[in-house]
Amino acid sequence: MNKIIKYVVFALVIGLSLYNAVYFESLDEHKKQQNAGVFDAKTLAAHFMASKVETLPAIDASEFLINIIKDVNNYAKSNGKKLGISDNYNFIIESNAKVVAIEDENVLIALSNSEQQIRIATDFIFGNAIRDASAVADIGNFQNTMDFNTISVELNNIVRETIIPSFKKEVKEGDKLYFKGAVKVNTKYPDLQYLKVIPLIIKFNN
């Protein structure tokens, strides 16, 4: 009898120990804890494109072209944004414009009330122009450059997948439109006749 009581007590002690050692949580909570601290560039990029682009400060494109051609170095240093010691300066510009020509990789447009022309890129959407021109993120807040660079990848993906296809499908010569976008200027090797805007907003005004 004593042995039976000892076994019962022993079993109860073991059971209580195991119960206290096991921690139960929902699967969702587990995933949340597991992902805590993991940077989500895709979410950041989507939030920026959905809620920040409309109010993003931009330079009038005509003013930009006049001044960048007049004095590329001083204008870039005064008005552009760059990362580190790079020669690449980035700008957010906007304007109303008219479509002049549909090219293989771009759409050539003439800015309203001027003869100035610039291109909207419709292919090869890559680089850091959107990220750096918009200041959507500060590299000082990141522990590694991979996360920071992934922001550019995700921003470019959104442009490539959601803005460019419909624009290419609808655009034709003579169309009037409004655009806002990012443009990169390399002050060491400026090629100001072939500047390309990566579009963040395109609205037809026909």
C-alpha atoms as a PDB file:
ATOM      1  CA  MET A   1       0.000   0.000   0.000  1.00  0.00           C
ATOM      2  CA  ASN A   2       2.818   2.336   0.921  1.00  0.00           C
ATOM      3  CA  LYS A   3       4.451   1.635  -2.422  1.00  0.00           C
ATOM      4  CA  ILE A   4       1.252   2.531  -4.252  1.00  0.00           C
ATOM      5  CA  ILE A   5       1.000   5.825  -2.350  1.00  0.00           C
ATOM      6  CA  LYS A   6       4.644   6.607  -3.125  1.00  0.00           C
ATOM      7  CA  TYR A   7       4.084   5.916  -6.828  1.00  0.00           C
ATOM      8  CA  VAL A   8       0.988   8.140  -6.867  1.00  0.00           C
ATOM      9  CA  VAL A   9       2.814  10.982  -5.125  1.00  0.00           C
ATOM     10  CA  PHE A  10       5.809  10.544  -7.430  1.00  0.00           C
ATOM     11  CA  ALA A  11       3.543  10.643 -10.479  1.00  0.00           C
ATOM     12  CA  LEU A  12       1.823  13.790  -9.209  1.00  0.00           C
ATOM     13  CA  VAL A  13       5.181  15.533  -8.607  1.00  0.00           C
ATOM     14  CA  ILE A  14       6.407  14.632 -12.088  1.00  0.00           C
ATOM     15  CA  GLY A  15       3.118  15.765 -13.612  1.00  0.00           C
ATOM     16  CA  LEU A  16       3.215  19.113 -11.846  1.00  0.00           C
ATOM     17  CA  SER A  17       6.845  19.623 -12.860  1.00  0.00           C
ATOM     18  CA  LEU A  18       6.089  18.923 -16.497  1.00  0.00           C
ATOM     19  CA  TYR A  19       3.005  21.164 -16.431  1.00  0.00           C
ATOM     20  CA  ASN A  20       5.002  24.084 -15.054  1.00  0.00           C
ATOM     21  CA  ALA A  21       7.801  23.496 -17.543  1.00  0.00           C
ATOM     22  CA  VAL A  22       5.574  23.662 -20.604  1.00  0.00           C
ATOM     23  CA  TYR A  23       4.544  27.073 -21.989  1.00  0.00           C
ATOM     24  CA  PHE A  24       1.592  27.237 -24.369  1.00  0.00           C
ATOM     25  CA  GLU A  25       1.044  30.063 -26.891  1.00  0.00           C
ATOM     26  CA  SER A  26      -0.967  30.535 -30.044  1.00  0.00           C
ATOM     27  CA  LEU A  27       0.651  29.925 -33.419  1.00  0.00           C
ATOM     28  CA  ASP A  28       0.121  33.565 -34.388  1.00  0.00           C
ATOM     29  CA  GLU A  29       1.811  34.776 -31.237  1.00  0.00           C
ATOM     30  CA  HIS A  30       4.689  32.382 -31.819  1.00  0.00           C
ATOM     31  CA  LYS A  31       5.194  33.714 -35.329  1.00  0.00           C
ATOM     32  CA  LYS A  32       4.988  37.267 -34.046  1.00  0.00           C
ATOM     33  CA  GLN A  33       7.675  36.576 -31.458  1.00  0.00           C
ATOM     34  CA  GLN A  34       9.762  34.723 -34.015  1.00  0.00           C
ATOM     35  CA  ASN A  35       9.624  37.629 -36.432  1.00  0.00           C
ATOM     36  CA  ALA A  36      10.205  40.330 -33.833  1.00  0.00           C
ATOM     37  CA  GLY A  37      13.162  42.467 -34.837  1.00  0.00           C
ATOM     38  CA  VAL A  38      13.157  41.227 -38.439  1.00  0.00           C
ATOM     39  CA  PHE A  39      13.097  44.164 -40.849  1.00  0.00           C
ATOM     40  CA  ASP A  40      10.280  44.065 -43.411  1.00  0.00           C
ATOM     41  CA  ALA A  41      11.338  46.163 -46.414  1.00  0.00           C
ATOM     42  CA  LYS A  42       8.325  45.099 -48.455  1.00  0.00           C
ATOM     43  CA  THR A  43       5.886  46.512 -45.907  1.00  0.00           C
ATOM     44  CA  LEU A  44       7.851  49.734 -45.561  1.00  0.00           C
ATOM     45  CA  ALA A  45       7.947  50.224 -49.340  1.00  0.00           C
ATOM     46  CA  ALA A  46       4.244  49.463 -49.724  1.00  0.00           C
ATOM     47  CA  HIS A  47       3.312  51.907 -46.969  1.00  0.00           C
ATOM     48  CA  PHE A  48       5.467  54.618 -48.507  1.00  0.00           C
ATOM     49  CA  MET A  49       4.014  54.172 -51.996  1.00  0.00           C
ATOM     50  CA  ALA A  50       0.444  54.025 -50.699  1.00  0.00           C
ATOM     51  CA  SER A  51       0.453  56.924 -48.248  1.00  0.00           C
ATOM     52  CA  LYS A  52       3.533  59.133 -48.622  1.00  0.00           C
ATOM     53  CA  VAL A  53       4.088  59.735 -52.334  1.00  0.00           C
ATOM     54  CA  GLU A  54       1.210  62.167 -52.881  1.00  0.00           C
ATOM     55  CA  THR A  55       2.559  64.620 -50.303  1.00  0.00           C
ATOM     56  CA  LEU A  56       6.245  64.041 -51.050  1.00  0.00           C
ATOM     57  CA  PRO A  57       7.916  67.427 -51.706  1.00  0.00           C
ATOM     58  CA  ALA A  58       9.064  67.785 -55.308  1.00  0.00           C
ATOM     59  CA  ILE A  59      10.974  70.313 -57.420  1.00  0.00           C
ATOM     60  CA  ASP A  60       9.314  71.719 -60.508  1.00  0.00           C
ATOM     61  CA  ALA A  61      10.873  69.755 -63.381  1.00  0.00           C
ATOM     62  CA  SER A  62      11.413  72.838 -65.541  1.00  0.00           C
ATOM     63  CA  GLU A  63      13.207  74.632 -62.711  1.00  0.00           C
ATOM     64  CA  PHE A  64      15.256  71.494 -62.090  1.00  0.00           C
ATOM     65  CA  LEU A  65      16.401  71.198 -65.712  1.00  0.00           C
ATOM     66  CA  ILE A  66      17.265  74.885 -66.046  1.00  0.00           C
ATOM     67  CA  ASN A  67      19.399  74.891 -62.919  1.00  0.00           C
ATOM     68  CA  ILE A  68      21.020  71.486 -63.279  1.00  0.00           C
ATOM     69  CA  ILE A  69      22.182  72.376 -66.795  1.00  0.00           C
ATOM     70  CA  LYS A  70      23.405  75.804 -65.673  1.00  0.00           C
ATOM     71  CA  ASP A  71      25.565  74.540 -62.805  1.00  0.00           C
ATOM     72  CA  VAL A  72      25.304  70.824 -62.197  1.00  0.00           C
ATOM     73  CA  ASN A  73      27.712  70.613 -59.271  1.00  0.00           C
ATOM     74  CA  ASN A  74      26.463  73.492 -57.149  1.00  0.00           C
ATOM     75  CA  TYR A  75      22.806  72.809 -57.853  1.00  0.00           C
ATOM     76  CA  ALA A  76      23.180  69.122 -57.018  1.00  0.00           C
ATOM     77  CA  LYS A  77      24.987  69.872 -53.774  1.00  0.00           C
ATOM     78  CA  SER A  78      22.390  72.455 -52.753  1.00  0.00           C
ATOM     79  CA  ASN A  79      19.233  70.616 -53.768  1.00  0.00           C
ATOM     80  CA  GLY A  80      19.983  66.934 -54.296  1.00  0.00           C
ATOM     81  CA  LYS A  81      20.324  64.082 -51.853  1.00  0.00           C
ATOM     82  CA  LYS A  82      23.057  61.507 -51.878  1.00  0.00           C
ATOM     83  CA  LEU A  83      24.438  58.679 -49.797  1.00  0.00           C
ATOM     84  CA  GLY A  84      27.955  58.980 -48.409  1.00  0.00           C
ATOM     85  CA  ILE A  85      30.678  60.163 -50.768  1.00  0.00           C
ATOM     86  CA  SER A  86      28.849  59.135 -53.930  1.00  0.00           C
ATOM     87  CA  ASP A  87      28.777  61.374 -57.026  1.00  0.00           C
ATOM     88  CA  ASN A  88      25.135  60.391 -57.551  1.00  0.00           C
ATOM     89  CA  TYR A  89      22.650  63.028 -56.451  1.00  0.00           C
ATOM     90  CA  ASN A  90      18.951  62.237 -56.388  1.00  0.00           C
ATOM     91  CA  PHE A  91      15.905  64.472 -56.793  1.00  0.00           C
ATOM     92  CA  ILE A  92      12.123  64.235 -56.685  1.00  0.00           C
ATOM     93  CA  ILE A  93      10.662  66.286 -59.534  1.00  0.00           C
ATOM     94  CA  GLU A  94       7.167  66.874 -60.898  1.00  0.00           C
ATOM     95  CA  SER A  95       5.426  68.614 -63.783  1.00  0.00           C
ATOM     96  CA  ASN A  96       2.639  68.543 -66.295  1.00  0.00           C
ATOM     97  CA  ALA A  97       3.872  67.386 -69.669  1.00  0.00           C
ATOM     98  CA  LYS A  98       2.994  66.173 -73.156  1.00  0.00           C
ATOM     99  CA  VAL A  99       4.117  62.881 -74.643  1.00  0.00           C
ATOM    100  CA  VAL A 100       6.471  63.423 -77.584  1.00  0.00           C
ATOM    101  CA  ALA A 101       7.537  59.877 -78.427  1.00  0.00           C
ATOM    102  CA  ILE A 102       7.204  56.290 -77.251  1.00  0.00           C
ATOM    103  CA  GLU A 103      10.678  54.742 -77.153  1.00  0.00           C
ATOM    104  CA  ASP A 104      11.745  51.168 -76.467  1.00  0.00           C
ATOM    105  CA  GLU A 105      12.775  51.792 -72.867  1.00  0.00           C
ATOM    106  CA  ASN A 106      11.361  55.248 -72.145  1.00  0.00           C
ATOM    107  CA  VAL A 107       8.639  57.741 -72.929  1.00  0.00           C
ATOM    108  CA  LEU A 108       9.953  61.100 -74.100  1.00  0.00           C
ATOM    109  CA  ILE A 109       7.920  64.021 -72.761  1.00  0.00           C
ATOM    110  CA  ALA A 110       7.975  67.791 -73.197  1.00  0.00           C
ATOM    111  CA  LEU A 111       7.335  69.834 -70.092  1.00  0.00           C
ATOM    112  CA  SER A 112       4.346  72.135 -70.182  1.00  0.00           C
ATOM    113  CA  ASN A 113       4.987  75.791 -71.119  1.00  0.00           C
ATOM    114  CA  SER A 114       8.546  75.047 -72.228  1.00  0.00           C
ATOM    115  CA  GLU A 115      10.553  73.207 -74.860  1.00  0.00           C
ATOM    116  CA  GLN A 116      12.453  71.190 -72.276  1.00  0.00           C
ATOM    117  CA  GLN A 117      12.304  67.442 -72.594  1.00  0.00           C
ATOM    118  CA  ILE A 118      12.975  64.553 -70.258  1.00  0.00           C
ATOM    119  CA  ARG A 119      12.313  60.824 -70.295  1.00  0.00           C
ATOM    120  CA  ILE A 120      10.119  58.664 -68.094  1.00  0.00           C
ATOM    121  CA  ALA A 121      11.718  55.248 -67.691  1.00  0.00           C
ATOM    122  CA  THR A 122       9.540  52.284 -68.649  1.00  0.00           C
ATOM    123  CA  ASP A 123      12.198  49.584 -68.452  1.00  0.00           C
ATOM    124  CA  PHE A 124      15.294  48.782 -66.372  1.00  0.00           C
ATOM    125  CA  ILE A 125      13.857  50.171 -63.152  1.00  0.00           C
ATOM    126  CA  PHE A 126      16.708  49.740 -60.687  1.00  0.00           C
ATOM    127  CA  GLY A 127      19.079  51.691 -58.443  1.00  0.00           C
ATOM    128  CA  ASN A 128      18.568  53.786 -55.332  1.00  0.00           C
ATOM    129  CA  ALA A 129      17.067  56.975 -56.744  1.00  0.00           C
ATOM    130  CA  ILE A 130      13.654  56.587 -55.111  1.00  0.00           C
ATOM    131  CA  ARG A 131      14.996  55.580 -51.718  1.00  0.00           C
ATOM    132  CA  ASP A 132      17.635  58.296 -51.542  1.00  0.00           C
ATOM    133  CA  ALA A 133      15.682  61.144 -53.154  1.00  0.00           C
ATOM    134  CA  SER A 134      12.647  60.571 -50.947  1.00  0.00           C
ATOM    135  CA  ALA A 135      14.662  60.000 -47.748  1.00  0.00           C
ATOM    136  CA  VAL A 136      12.234  57.197 -46.930  1.00  0.00           C
ATOM    137  CA  ALA A 137      14.908  55.648 -44.701  1.00  0.00           C
ATOM    138  CA  ASP A 138      18.106  56.676 -42.932  1.00  0.00           C
ATOM    139  CA  ILE A 139      21.046  54.315 -43.261  1.00  0.00           C
ATOM    140  CA  GLY A 140      22.061  55.205 -39.714  1.00  0.00           C
ATOM    141  CA  ASN A 141      19.030  53.317 -38.438  1.00  0.00           C
ATOM    142  CA  PHE A 142      20.132  50.013 -39.959  1.00  0.00           C
ATOM    143  CA  GLN A 143      22.542  47.481 -38.535  1.00  0.00           C
ATOM    144  CA  ASN A 144      23.417  46.087 -41.951  1.00  0.00           C
ATOM    145  CA  THR A 145      23.429  47.449 -45.487  1.00  0.00           C
ATOM    146  CA  MET A 146      21.499  44.462 -46.841  1.00  0.00           C
ATOM    147  CA  ASP A 147      18.292  45.612 -45.150  1.00  0.00           C
ATOM    148  CA  PHE A 148      18.858  49.173 -46.349  1.00  0.00           C
ATOM    149  CA  ASN A 149      19.474  48.063 -49.929  1.00  0.00           C
ATOM    150  CA  THR A 150      16.406  45.835 -49.885  1.00  0.00           C
ATOM    151  CA  ILE A 151      14.280  48.973 -49.527  1.00  0.00           C
ATOM    152  CA  SER A 152      15.376  50.085 -53.004  1.00  0.00           C
ATOM    153  CA  VAL A 153      14.622  46.659 -54.423  1.00  0.00           C
ATOM    154  CA  GLU A 154      11.085  46.686 -53.029  1.00  0.00           C
ATOM    155  CA  LEU A 155      10.376  50.274 -54.114  1.00  0.00           C
ATOM    156  CA  ASN A 156      11.572  49.505 -57.639  1.00  0.00           C
ATOM    157  CA  ASN A 157       9.488  46.330 -57.691  1.00  0.00           C
ATOM    158  CA  ILE A 158       6.334  48.287 -56.910  1.00  0.00           C
ATOM    159  CA  VAL A 159       7.033  50.768 -59.694  1.00  0.00           C
ATOM    160  CA  ARG A 160       7.874  47.971 -62.113  1.00  0.00           C
ATOM    161  CA  GLU A 161       4.817  45.891 -61.250  1.00  0.00           C
ATOM    162  CA  THR A 162       2.083  48.450 -60.549  1.00  0.00           C
ATOM    163  CA  ILE A 163       2.913  51.737 -62.304  1.00  0.00           C
ATOM    164  CA  ILE A 164       4.817  50.866 -65.475  1.00  0.00           C
ATOM    165  CA  PRO A 165       2.493  48.197 -66.979  1.00  0.00           C
ATOM    166  CA  SER A 166      -0.642  50.350 -67.033  1.00  0.00           C
ATOM    167  CA  PHE A 167       1.318  53.385 -68.202  1.00  0.00           C
ATOM    168  CA  LYS A 168       2.858  51.508 -71.130  1.00  0.00           C
ATOM    169  CA  LYS A 169      -0.509  50.071 -72.056  1.00  0.00           C
ATOM    170  CA  GLU A 170      -2.336  53.404 -72.114  1.00  0.00           C
ATOM    171  CA  VAL A 171       0.244  55.986 -73.193  1.00  0.00           C
ATOM    172  CA  LYS A 172       0.334  57.367 -76.737  1.00  0.00           C
ATOM    173  CA  GLU A 173       1.909  60.317 -78.508  1.00  0.00           C
ATOM    174  CA  GLY A 174       0.194  63.596 -77.759  1.00  0.00           C
ATOM    175  CA  ASP A 175      -1.118  62.517 -74.350  1.00  0.00           C
ATOM    176  CA  LYS A 176      -1.065  65.122 -71.618  1.00  0.00           C
ATOM    177  CA  LEU A 177      -0.083  63.962 -68.166  1.00  0.00           C
ATOM    178  CA  TYR A 178       1.161  64.856 -64.722  1.00  0.00           C
ATOM    179  CA  PHE A 179       4.127  62.999 -63.271  1.00  0.00           C
ATOM    180  CA  LYS A 180       6.133  62.884 -60.088  1.00  0.00           C
ATOM    181  CA  GLY A 181       9.253  60.789 -59.884  1.00  0.00           C
ATOM    182  CA  ALA A 182      12.864  60.302 -58.881  1.00  0.00           C
ATOM    183  CA  VAL A 183      15.825  61.200 -61.052  1.00  0.00           C
ATOM    184  CA  LYS A 184      19.534  60.563 -60.553  1.00  0.00           C
ATOM    185  CA  VAL A 185      22.341  62.880 -61.691  1.00  0.00           C
ATOM    186  CA  ASN A 186      25.982  61.823 -61.610  1.00  0.00           C
ATOM    187  CA  THR A 187      27.995  65.014 -61.156  1.00  0.00           C
ATOM    188  CA  LYS A 188      31.247  63.389 -62.249  1.00  0.00           C
ATOM    189  CA  TYR A 189      29.840  62.090 -65.541  1.00  0.00           C
ATOM    190  CA  PRO A 190      26.641  64.080 -66.106  1.00  0.00           C
ATOM    191  CA  ASP A 191      24.572  63.019 -69.103  1.00  0.00           C
ATOM    192  CA  LEU A 192      21.931  65.702 -68.846  1.00  0.00           C
ATOM    193  CA  GLN A 193      20.430  65.106 -72.287  1.00  0.00           C
ATOM    194  CA  TYR A 194      19.308  61.607 -71.293  1.00  0.00           C
ATOM    195  CA  LEU A 195      18.027  61.987 -67.756  1.00  0.00           C
ATOM    196  CA  LYS A 196      15.418  59.398 -66.826  1.00  0.00           C
ATOM    197  CA  VAL A 197      12.649  59.777 -64.286  1.00  0.00           C
ATOM    198  CA  ILE A 198      11.541  56.723 -62.338  1.00  0.00           C
ATOM    199  CA  PRO A 199       7.822  57.435 -62.000  1.00  0.00           C
ATOM    200  CA  LEU A 200       6.078  57.405 -58.649  1.00  0.00           C
ATOM    201  CA  ILE A 201       2.860  58.994 -59.943  1.00  0.00           C
ATOM    202  CA  ILE A 202       1.511  59.290 -63.469  1.00  0.00           C
ATOM    203  CA  LYS A 203      -1.921  60.797 -64.130  1.00  0.00           C
ATOM    204  CA  PHE A 204      -3.318  61.409 -67.598  1.00  0.00           C
ATOM    205  CA  ASN A 205      -4.876  64.829 -68.171  1.00  0.00           C
ATOM    206  CA  ASN A 206      -6.411  64.258 -71.602  1.00  0.00           C
END
